[in-house]
Every structure is written in C-alpha cells, then in structure tokens.
C-alpha cells in the first residue's frame, strides 16, 4: 500500500475513474471572494421598486404625478378663490371679469389695484360666469381622480372575490360564473348610466337634498353603481386565469394535505403569487374610470353643477374654440351673411352666418384677428358692405319688430 503524503497529490491509476487532480490548480483569493459574494435577500416589493427607480422615465412620471397630487390636495385650501365663487370687487360682483385671459385683470380690478388693493391674479383666466378657471381645473382634476380611485377600489374588491372563487372552485361553478361574466360584458355601460340616473333621480332625488351626496348628484351615484355592476369583469377574468395556473403547484397541494381551508390557501398562497397582475389591472382601471367619468360629464351625465370635472370643463371650453382662419376664408368668399359686428343683434335670423353663434367678444376677436391683417381696408369695407347687403335682403319680409334702421351707421367708409 502506498504511503499517503499531504504535500503530494495521489497518483491516478490507469483504469481508475477518479478525476485527475493534477489538471486543477488552487483558486486565487480574488476568485474566492467572487464566490463568497452573494446577493442580499430581498422581497418581491423591494425588488420591484429597485427596478422601477432604475428607469428614468418611470421616475420622472412619478415626480410629475406627485406634484399633481400635491397641487390637488393643497391648493384649494390656500387659493383665495372658490370653484363656484364669482369674482367680486369691493363686495360686488364684477361683471367685467368675464372670459379673461391668463394673468389678466378686469376693468374693476385694475381700478381697485390703482386704489391700493391687492388682488390675486387669475392664473388660467376666468370663464363666462366670471369664475376663476385655475381653481375649477384643480377641483375638476380632484373630482376625476377621486372617481378613478374609488372606481378602481370597487373593481378590485368585486373582481378579486369573484375571480378567486371561480378559479379555485373550477368545474360547474366556474362554468356558471363565467357565463354570467359573458352576459355582463354584453351590457352597454352608457345606456345603463342614463337609465340608472333617471331612476335614481326619481327615487332618491328628494332624499339626497341637504346631504353631502347632493353635491355629487344622482348621475355620479349611478356611475358608481355601473362601476360596481359592469367594470369588474376584466379583473375577475385575469384573477381566474392566474389562479387556474397557480392552484396546480405543489405548495398548494401541500397546503391542502395539511388541512388548510380554501380561504386560507387563496389568501396566503395563491393571491400573493398573482399580485403583479392585480397591480397592473388596477393601474389600468384608474385612467379608464377617469375617461369614463370625463366622457359622461362632457355629455351632461356627470357631476352636479356647479361642481366641475375635467369633462364638464372641456365641454364648457368648446365655446371658446374659434377657427379664425376658416371664418376669415368664409368671409372672403362671401359665405357669411350679416354684418357680424358686436352691436349686431343675434336674434336676427341668419342661418348661414356662423358668427351669430359666437359671443360678441368672440366675434370681435374674429373680425380683428391677425388672419385678417392681410386684407386691405378697402377690401374689408367691400366685404362688410356686401355682408350688409345680404343682411338687408334677408330682412325683407320679416315681421315689423325686425328693423334695418341703423345699418347705415355701421357701413364702413370706402
């Protein structure tokens, strides 16, 4: 028998299957440190947040969202105007503060400033009812965001419970529950909102007076009911699909073998493994709910006036959209009939004149806009004279209360 020596490697026999140690060299200290360095233990949430903060676009989006949330939460408590307050100067309503531009003061406010009073500027201007637009936008964003969060909470609770039960039970229970989901998918949500708003207005209209729900209105209550009835089906299907794939794993079988109840298995073993899908679905549901609320408010089925929302503000802003280029081109072609001057009464019927649908301020902006700067004085006078002639022709045969007297006073000189 060979003598064993510690400082020498044993010689490999010719027919031996042992590894020849002479082909290996000892590891260096640097290589040992690389093997000793292990990744620190972390949780699913920490790992996700670490990846999130490594994405610069995601971090920038979080900063913008945080700033918006701070503005929505803090500004209404420190801003000097209210969303329903009409501008007042010296305790009287300022009728000259209508449709002001951003950071513009009305005539009465300028006089008050000259007298030494301090008046906070209108950051976004004012609307047609002399209300500050910035605070109305902040309140509108607050209402829309709260509706989105509350609707997402409803969808999360109902969809999570329904999808968990359907996916875990399986069989006939799953078949029946999914056919109910298919039926709910076929219901039109807008029609449901209209029907429920009419029914709730008749049933709860008088009962809501004097309560905090009166400011919300029956339209918003019907919207929340529709979210609770219709909008959870996508969440339920996603959760069901995840549970169907997870419940066949070995740890779920081990929990059953140990006598764990179905509720505990779903809560402790299944739902934590499909939390990413739940987060994504809830995050997508928030903008969907905000869009639905804004759309319904845009068509008049949203929050109760004077409470603003993004949809009602967008609807109110339509009157300020003036396509000056198209109107100037129509004026040059002689399509527009009527003088279209700000002292021209809008009650005079002239169906072919789109300027009559505008406010006097909007008409003045169109007539004196930069798009008409290239029209010479004589050409502009000719166009107005032609418009007055068309107006006189359209007024012939009208009842006596419509008069053409005074039209010569608005005729421009050649």
Protein backbone atom coordinates (compact mmCIF):
# COMPACT_ATOMS: atom_id res chain seq x y z
CA UNK A 1 0.00 0.00 0.00
CA UNK A 2 1.29 3.40 -0.97
CA UNK A 3 2.18 5.88 1.69
CA UNK A 4 -0.02 9.00 1.72
CA UNK A 5 1.72 12.38 1.73
CA UNK A 6 -0.12 15.62 2.37
CA UNK A 7 2.10 17.75 0.13
CA UNK A 8 1.68 15.48 -2.85
CA UNK A 9 -1.38 14.59 -4.92
CA UNK A 10 -2.14 10.89 -5.19
CA UNK A 11 -1.23 9.34 -8.49
CA UNK A 12 -4.18 8.28 -10.61
CA UNK A 13 -4.33 4.60 -11.52
CA UNK A 14 -4.51 3.76 -15.18
CA UNK A 15 -8.00 2.21 -15.13
CA UNK A 16 -9.38 4.39 -12.38
CA UNK A 17 -12.47 6.59 -12.98
CA UNK A 18 -11.35 9.15 -10.45
CA UNK A 19 -10.65 12.73 -11.56
CA UNK A 20 -7.04 13.55 -12.16
CA UNK A 21 -6.34 16.31 -9.63
CA UNK A 22 -3.17 17.34 -11.42
CA UNK A 23 -5.32 19.02 -14.04
CA UNK A 24 -6.69 21.51 -11.44
CA UNK A 25 -5.00 24.44 -9.74
CA UNK A 26 -5.97 26.07 -6.42
CA UNK A 27 -8.29 29.10 -6.61
CA UNK A 28 -6.81 32.53 -6.06
CA UNK A 29 -8.00 34.89 -3.30
CA UNK A 30 -9.87 37.07 -5.82
CA UNK A 31 -11.76 34.09 -7.18
CA UNK A 32 -12.67 33.01 -3.68
CA UNK A 33 -14.12 36.45 -2.92
CA UNK A 34 -16.26 36.31 -6.07
CA UNK A 35 -17.83 33.06 -4.92
CA UNK A 36 -18.34 34.32 -1.39
CA UNK A 37 -20.24 37.44 -2.56
CA UNK A 38 -23.92 36.55 -2.65
CA UNK A 39 -26.98 38.59 -3.49
CA UNK A 40 -28.68 40.11 -0.47
CA UNK A 41 -32.04 38.68 0.48
CA UNK A 42 -34.97 40.85 -0.63
CA UNK A 43 -38.73 40.77 -1.00
CA UNK A 44 -40.85 40.94 -4.14
CA UNK A 45 -41.82 44.56 -3.43
CA UNK A 46 -38.25 45.72 -2.83
CA UNK A 47 -37.02 44.02 -5.96
CA UNK A 48 -39.76 45.67 -8.00
CA UNK A 49 -39.07 49.11 -6.52
CA UNK A 50 -35.34 48.72 -7.23
CA UNK A 51 -36.07 48.02 -10.90
CA UNK A 52 -38.58 50.89 -11.00
CA UNK A 53 -36.12 53.50 -9.73
CA UNK A 54 -33.54 52.39 -12.28
CA UNK A 55 -35.90 53.55 -15.06
CA UNK A 56 -35.51 57.34 -15.54
CA UNK A 57 -38.82 57.73 -17.41
CA UNK A 58 -40.69 55.99 -14.60
CA UNK A 59 -39.02 58.21 -12.01
CA UNK A 60 -39.89 61.35 -13.99
CA UNK A 61 -43.51 60.19 -14.28
CA UNK A 62 -43.66 59.57 -10.53
CA UNK A 63 -42.34 63.07 -9.84
CA UNK A 64 -44.94 64.68 -12.13
CA UNK A 65 -47.71 62.60 -10.57
CA UNK A 66 -46.54 63.52 -7.06
CA UNK A 67 -46.52 67.24 -7.96
CA UNK A 68 -50.04 66.98 -9.37
CA UNK A 69 -51.27 65.20 -6.26
CA UNK A 70 -49.74 67.88 -4.02
CA UNK A 71 -51.37 70.64 -6.09
CA UNK A 72 -54.75 68.91 -6.00
CA UNK A 73 -54.56 68.36 -2.22
CA UNK A 74 -53.00 71.65 -1.07
CA UNK A 75 -54.04 74.40 -3.49
CA UNK A 76 -57.80 74.51 -2.67
CA UNK A 77 -57.05 75.25 0.98
CA UNK A 78 -54.72 78.21 0.25
CA UNK A 79 -56.13 79.61 -3.01
CA UNK A 80 -58.19 82.79 -2.50
CA UNK A 81 -60.97 81.81 -4.94
CA UNK A 82 -63.52 79.00 -4.84
CA UNK A 83 -64.72 76.85 -7.73
CA UNK A 84 -68.25 78.30 -7.52
CA UNK A 85 -67.31 81.85 -6.47
CA UNK A 86 -67.91 84.65 -8.95
CA UNK A 87 -65.27 87.35 -8.94
CA UNK A 88 -66.17 90.21 -6.62
CA UNK A 89 -64.58 93.65 -6.21
CA UNK A 90 -65.45 95.71 -3.12
CA UNK A 91 -68.17 93.21 -2.22
CA UNK A 92 -69.96 93.48 -5.59
CA UNK A 93 -69.95 91.06 -8.47
CA UNK A 94 -67.51 92.09 -11.16
CA UNK A 95 -69.34 91.70 -14.47
CA UNK A 96 -66.27 92.89 -16.39
CA UNK A 97 -64.29 89.79 -15.31
CA UNK A 98 -65.83 87.58 -18.00
CA UNK A 99 -63.58 85.41 -20.19
CA UNK A 100 -60.33 86.96 -19.03
CA UNK A 101 -57.03 85.73 -20.43
CA UNK A 102 -54.41 84.17 -18.10
CA UNK A 103 -52.97 86.70 -15.64
CA UNK A 104 -55.34 89.39 -16.93
CA UNK A 105 -57.28 91.75 -14.68
CA UNK A 106 -60.76 93.13 -15.31
CA UNK A 107 -61.55 96.84 -15.51
CA UNK A 108 -62.88 96.95 -11.95
CA UNK A 109 -59.89 95.01 -10.65
CA UNK A 110 -57.50 97.44 -12.33
CA UNK A 111 -59.31 100.33 -10.66
CA UNK A 112 -59.09 98.54 -7.30
CA UNK A 113 -55.37 97.94 -7.82
CA UNK A 114 -54.89 101.63 -8.55
CA UNK A 115 -56.63 102.39 -5.26
CA UNK A 116 -54.05 100.25 -3.43
CA UNK A 117 -55.90 96.94 -3.07
CA UNK A 118 -54.10 93.63 -3.56
CA UNK A 119 -55.86 91.27 -5.94
CA UNK A 120 -54.59 87.76 -6.66
CA UNK A 121 -54.13 87.17 -10.41
CA UNK A 122 -56.24 84.71 -12.36
CA UNK A 123 -53.64 82.13 -13.40
CA UNK A 124 -55.79 80.46 -16.07
CA UNK A 125 -58.15 83.40 -16.58
CA UNK A 126 -61.91 83.28 -15.96
CA UNK A 127 -64.93 81.65 -17.59
CA UNK A 128 -68.15 83.15 -18.95
CA UNK A 129 -69.64 83.34 -15.44
CA UNK A 130 -66.68 85.30 -14.03
CA UNK A 131 -65.26 82.35 -12.08
CA UNK A 132 -61.55 81.66 -11.70
CA UNK A 133 -60.54 78.92 -14.10
CA UNK A 134 -57.45 77.64 -12.30
CA UNK A 135 -59.30 76.57 -9.15
CA UNK A 136 -62.01 74.97 -11.28
CA UNK A 137 -59.38 72.93 -13.12
CA UNK A 138 -57.84 71.87 -9.78
CA UNK A 139 -61.23 70.82 -8.42
CA UNK A 140 -62.06 69.09 -11.70
CA UNK A 141 -58.83 67.08 -11.52
CA UNK A 142 -59.57 66.24 -7.87
CA UNK A 143 -63.07 65.00 -8.70
CA UNK A 144 -61.89 62.94 -11.67
CA UNK A 145 -59.00 61.43 -9.70
CA UNK A 146 -61.22 60.53 -6.74
CA UNK A 147 -63.72 58.93 -9.08
CA UNK A 148 -60.91 56.90 -10.68
CA UNK A 149 -59.52 55.73 -7.34
CA UNK A 150 -62.93 54.89 -5.89
CA UNK A 151 -63.99 53.03 -9.05
CA UNK A 152 -60.72 51.07 -9.04
CA UNK A 153 -61.33 50.10 -5.43
CA UNK A 154 -64.79 48.81 -6.31
CA UNK A 155 -63.41 46.87 -9.28
CA UNK A 156 -60.58 45.43 -7.15
CA UNK A 157 -62.82 44.14 -4.36
CA UNK A 158 -65.57 42.64 -6.53
CA UNK A 159 -63.30 41.30 -9.29
CA UNK A 160 -60.84 39.78 -6.82
CA UNK A 161 -63.51 37.91 -4.86
CA UNK A 162 -65.43 36.76 -7.91
CA UNK A 163 -62.37 35.64 -9.89
CA UNK A 164 -60.82 33.86 -6.87
CA UNK A 165 -63.94 31.83 -6.19
CA UNK A 166 -64.44 30.97 -9.86
CA UNK A 167 -60.83 29.94 -10.48
CA UNK A 168 -60.32 27.95 -7.28
CA UNK A 169 -63.60 26.03 -7.38
CA UNK A 170 -63.48 25.21 -11.09
CA UNK A 171 -65.86 22.76 -12.72
CA UNK A 172 -69.52 23.68 -12.99
CA UNK A 173 -69.13 26.59 -10.57
CA UNK A 174 -66.52 28.14 -12.83
CA UNK A 175 -68.63 27.49 -15.93
CA UNK A 176 -71.74 29.17 -14.49
CA UNK A 177 -69.84 32.14 -13.07
CA UNK A 178 -68.03 32.79 -16.35
CA UNK A 179 -71.27 32.69 -18.33
CA UNK A 180 -72.59 35.39 -16.00
CA UNK A 181 -69.48 37.42 -16.81
CA UNK A 182 -70.17 36.99 -20.54
CA UNK A 183 -73.70 38.31 -20.05
CA UNK A 184 -72.42 41.34 -18.13
CA UNK A 185 -69.89 42.00 -20.89
CA UNK A 186 -72.75 42.47 -23.38
CA UNK A 187 -74.49 45.23 -21.39
CA UNK A 188 -73.91 48.80 -22.69
CA UNK A 189 -72.44 50.89 -19.88
CA UNK A 190 -73.53 54.32 -21.19
CA UNK A 191 -77.16 53.21 -21.52
CA UNK A 192 -77.03 51.78 -18.01
CA UNK A 193 -75.74 55.09 -16.63
CA UNK A 194 -78.56 57.01 -18.33
CA UNK A 195 -81.26 54.62 -17.10
CA UNK A 196 -79.91 54.49 -13.56
CA UNK A 197 -79.54 58.28 -13.38
CA UNK A 198 -83.19 58.71 -14.37
CA UNK A 199 -84.36 56.07 -11.89
CA UNK A 200 -82.18 57.32 -9.01
CA UNK A 201 -83.21 60.91 -9.68
CA UNK A 202 -86.86 59.96 -9.18
CA UNK A 203 -86.25 57.61 -6.25
CA UNK A 204 -83.51 59.44 -4.34
CA UNK A 205 -83.88 63.00 -5.63
CA UNK A 206 -85.72 64.37 -2.58
CA UNK A 207 -83.91 62.12 -0.09
CA UNK A 208 -80.49 63.48 -1.09
CA UNK A 209 -81.35 67.14 -0.51
CA UNK A 210 -79.34 68.68 2.29
CA UNK A 211 -76.79 65.85 2.38
CA UNK A 212 -73.22 65.64 1.12
CA UNK A 213 -74.38 63.33 -1.68
CA UNK A 214 -76.50 66.16 -3.09
CA UNK A 215 -73.30 67.84 -4.33
CA UNK A 216 -72.29 64.64 -6.08
CA UNK A 217 -75.69 64.18 -7.70
CA UNK A 218 -77.61 61.14 -8.85
CA UNK A 219 -75.59 60.97 -12.07
CA UNK A 220 -72.39 60.22 -10.17
CA UNK A 221 -74.16 57.74 -7.90
CA UNK A 222 -75.44 55.92 -10.97
CA UNK A 223 -71.89 55.94 -12.36
CA UNK A 224 -70.55 54.27 -9.20
CA UNK A 225 -73.36 51.70 -9.39
CA UNK A 226 -72.42 50.95 -13.00
CA UNK A 227 -68.77 50.52 -12.00
CA UNK A 228 -69.87 48.06 -9.33
CA UNK A 229 -72.08 46.16 -11.78
CA UNK A 230 -70.14 46.12 -15.04
CA UNK A 231 -66.49 47.16 -14.81
CA UNK A 232 -65.12 44.36 -12.60
CA UNK A 233 -65.43 41.59 -15.20
CA UNK A 234 -61.95 42.14 -16.69
CA UNK A 235 -60.35 41.92 -13.25
CA UNK A 236 -62.32 38.75 -12.49
CA UNK A 237 -61.14 37.07 -15.68
CA UNK A 238 -57.49 37.95 -15.08
CA UNK A 239 -57.56 36.70 -11.50
CA UNK A 240 -59.37 33.50 -12.54
CA UNK A 241 -56.76 32.73 -15.22
CA UNK A 242 -53.91 33.23 -12.76
CA UNK A 243 -55.50 31.04 -10.10
CA UNK A 244 -56.18 28.25 -12.60
CA UNK A 245 -52.45 28.06 -13.37
CA UNK A 246 -51.23 28.51 -9.78
CA UNK A 247 -53.54 26.09 -7.95
CA UNK A 248 -51.87 23.08 -9.61
CA UNK A 249 -48.48 23.82 -7.98
CA UNK A 250 -47.01 21.56 -5.30
CA UNK A 251 -47.17 24.06 -2.45
CA UNK A 252 -50.94 24.40 -2.93
CA UNK A 253 -51.26 20.59 -2.82
CA UNK A 254 -49.11 20.54 0.34
CA UNK A 255 -51.35 23.14 1.97
CA UNK A 256 -54.41 21.03 1.17
CA UNK A 257 -52.74 17.92 2.55
CA UNK A 258 -52.01 19.78 5.80
CA UNK A 259 -55.69 20.63 6.14
CA UNK A 260 -55.65 24.32 5.18
CA UNK A 261 -59.05 25.75 4.30
CA UNK A 262 -59.73 27.11 0.79
CA UNK A 263 -59.95 30.68 2.04
CA UNK A 264 -56.54 30.48 3.67
CA UNK A 265 -54.99 28.82 0.63
CA UNK A 266 -56.30 31.59 -1.66
CA UNK A 267 -55.29 34.37 0.74
CA UNK A 268 -51.85 33.07 1.80
CA UNK A 269 -50.58 31.03 -1.15
CA UNK A 270 -52.37 31.95 -4.39
CA UNK A 271 -53.11 35.70 -4.34
CA UNK A 272 -49.56 36.73 -3.32
CA UNK A 273 -48.27 34.97 -6.44
CA UNK A 274 -50.60 36.86 -8.80
CA UNK A 275 -50.18 40.27 -7.14
CA UNK A 276 -48.35 41.67 -10.20
CA UNK A 277 -51.35 41.03 -12.45
CA UNK A 278 -53.65 42.63 -9.86
CA UNK A 279 -51.47 45.75 -9.63
CA UNK A 280 -51.35 46.15 -13.41
CA UNK A 281 -55.11 45.71 -13.76
CA UNK A 282 -55.86 48.26 -11.03
CA UNK A 283 -53.38 50.74 -12.51
CA UNK A 284 -55.04 50.44 -15.92
CA UNK A 285 -58.50 50.77 -14.39
CA UNK A 286 -57.80 54.23 -12.90
CA UNK A 287 -57.36 56.07 -16.25
CA UNK A 288 -60.23 54.08 -17.73
CA UNK A 289 -62.53 55.24 -14.92
CA UNK A 290 -61.31 58.84 -15.27
CA UNK A 291 -62.02 58.74 -19.01
CA UNK A 292 -65.49 57.28 -18.47
CA UNK A 293 -66.36 59.94 -15.89
CA UNK A 294 -64.98 62.73 -18.10
CA UNK A 295 -66.94 61.45 -21.10
CA UNK A 296 -70.20 61.30 -19.13
CA UNK A 297 -69.58 64.77 -17.68
CA UNK A 298 -68.87 66.04 -21.19
CA UNK A 299 -72.33 64.97 -22.36
CA UNK A 300 -74.01 66.23 -19.17
CA UNK A 301 -74.33 62.99 -17.20
CA UNK A 302 -71.53 63.60 -14.71
CA UNK A 303 -71.19 65.63 -11.53
CA UNK A 304 -73.84 68.08 -10.46
CA UNK A 305 -73.23 71.74 -11.37
CA UNK A 306 -71.51 73.91 -10.20
CA UNK A 307 -69.09 71.14 -9.16
CA UNK A 308 -66.55 70.91 -12.01
CA UNK A 309 -64.86 67.91 -13.57
CA UNK A 310 -62.47 67.54 -16.46
CA UNK A 311 -65.29 66.53 -18.80
CA UNK A 312 -67.58 69.45 -17.93
CA UNK A 313 -64.67 71.88 -18.22
CA UNK A 314 -63.85 70.51 -21.67
CA UNK A 315 -67.48 70.89 -22.70
CA UNK A 316 -67.56 74.49 -21.45
CA UNK A 317 -64.34 75.26 -23.31
CA UNK A 318 -65.83 74.29 -26.67
CA UNK A 319 -67.45 77.73 -26.94
CA UNK A 320 -64.04 79.37 -26.82
CA UNK A 321 -62.64 77.38 -29.73
CA UNK A 322 -62.79 79.65 -32.77
CA UNK A 323 -61.30 78.63 -36.08
CA UNK A 324 -60.39 82.14 -37.15
CA UNK A 325 -58.72 81.00 -40.38
CA UNK A 326 -61.84 79.19 -41.57
CA UNK A 327 -64.10 82.10 -40.65
CA UNK A 328 -61.83 84.60 -42.40
CA UNK A 329 -61.80 82.43 -45.52
CA UNK A 330 -65.59 82.14 -45.38
CA UNK A 331 -65.86 85.91 -45.03
CA UNK A 332 -63.66 86.40 -48.11
CA UNK A 333 -65.82 84.00 -50.14
CA UNK A 334 -68.94 85.90 -49.11
CA UNK A 335 -70.42 82.81 -47.46
CA UNK A 336 -71.03 84.60 -44.15
CA UNK A 337 -74.14 86.78 -44.26
CA UNK A 338 -74.74 89.65 -41.89
CA UNK A 339 -72.56 92.47 -40.61
CA UNK A 340 -71.17 90.36 -37.73
CA UNK A 341 -70.33 93.47 -35.70
CA UNK A 342 -70.57 93.28 -31.90
CA UNK A 343 -73.64 95.59 -31.86
CA UNK A 344 -75.36 93.26 -34.34
CA UNK A 345 -78.28 91.57 -32.57
CA UNK A 346 -78.00 87.78 -32.52
CA UNK A 347 -81.81 87.47 -32.51
CA UNK A 348 -81.92 88.44 -36.20
CA UNK A 349 -82.25 85.09 -38.02
CA UNK A 350 -79.45 84.41 -40.46
CA UNK A 351 -78.87 80.63 -40.71
CA UNK A 352 -75.88 80.98 -42.99
CA UNK A 353 -73.90 83.14 -40.57
CA UNK A 354 -71.76 81.04 -38.18
CA UNK A 355 -70.55 84.20 -36.43
CA UNK A 356 -74.01 84.63 -34.93
CA UNK A 357 -73.38 81.55 -32.79
CA UNK A 358 -70.42 83.28 -31.13
CA UNK A 359 -70.42 85.72 -28.27
CA UNK A 360 -69.76 89.42 -29.04
CA UNK A 361 -66.24 89.07 -27.64
CA UNK A 362 -65.54 86.09 -29.89
CA UNK A 363 -66.93 87.95 -32.91
CA UNK A 364 -64.67 90.89 -32.17
CA UNK A 365 -61.66 88.57 -31.91
CA UNK A 366 -62.50 87.03 -35.28
CA UNK A 367 -63.04 90.31 -37.10
CA UNK A 368 -59.89 91.90 -35.73
CA UNK A 369 -57.71 88.78 -35.73
CA UNK A 370 -54.23 88.61 -37.30
CA UNK A 371 -55.66 86.36 -40.02
CA UNK A 372 -57.45 89.39 -41.49
CA UNK A 373 -54.34 91.56 -41.34
CA UNK A 374 -53.57 90.91 -44.99
CA UNK A 375 -56.98 92.22 -46.11
CA UNK A 376 -56.78 95.87 -47.12
CA UNK A 377 -59.13 98.47 -45.67
CA UNK A 378 -60.97 98.87 -48.96
CA UNK A 379 -61.35 95.09 -49.39
CA UNK A 380 -62.54 94.70 -45.81
CA UNK A 381 -65.02 97.57 -46.32
CA UNK A 382 -66.26 95.91 -49.50
CA UNK A 383 -66.78 92.61 -47.68
CA UNK A 384 -68.68 94.27 -44.85
CA UNK A 385 -70.79 96.25 -47.35
CA UNK A 386 -71.60 93.04 -49.18
CA UNK A 387 -72.50 91.37 -45.88
CA UNK A 388 -74.83 94.28 -45.02
CA UNK A 389 -76.47 93.99 -48.43
CA UNK A 390 -77.05 90.28 -47.85
CA UNK A 391 -78.49 91.11 -44.45
CA UNK A 392 -80.91 93.70 -45.89
CA UNK A 393 -82.07 91.15 -48.43
CA UNK A 394 -82.60 88.54 -45.73
CA UNK A 395 -84.57 91.00 -43.58
CA UNK A 396 -87.13 91.73 -46.30
CA UNK A 397 -90.41 90.08 -45.50
CA UNK A 398 -89.66 89.66 -41.77
CA UNK A 399 -92.14 90.80 -39.07
CA UNK A 400 -92.13 94.52 -38.16
CA UNK A 401 -90.14 94.02 -34.96
CA UNK A 402 -87.02 93.42 -37.07
CA UNK A 403 -85.75 96.73 -38.40
CA UNK A 404 -82.97 97.62 -40.78
CA UNK A 405 -82.66 101.12 -39.34
CA UNK A 406 -79.17 101.94 -38.24
CA UNK A 407 -77.46 99.63 -40.68
CA UNK A 408 -76.05 102.66 -42.48
CA UNK A 409 -74.32 103.62 -39.25
CA UNK A 410 -72.18 100.52 -39.37
CA UNK A 411 -71.35 100.86 -43.03
CA UNK A 412 -67.62 101.47 -43.32
CA UNK A 413 -66.45 104.29 -45.49
CA UNK A 414 -64.79 103.30 -48.71
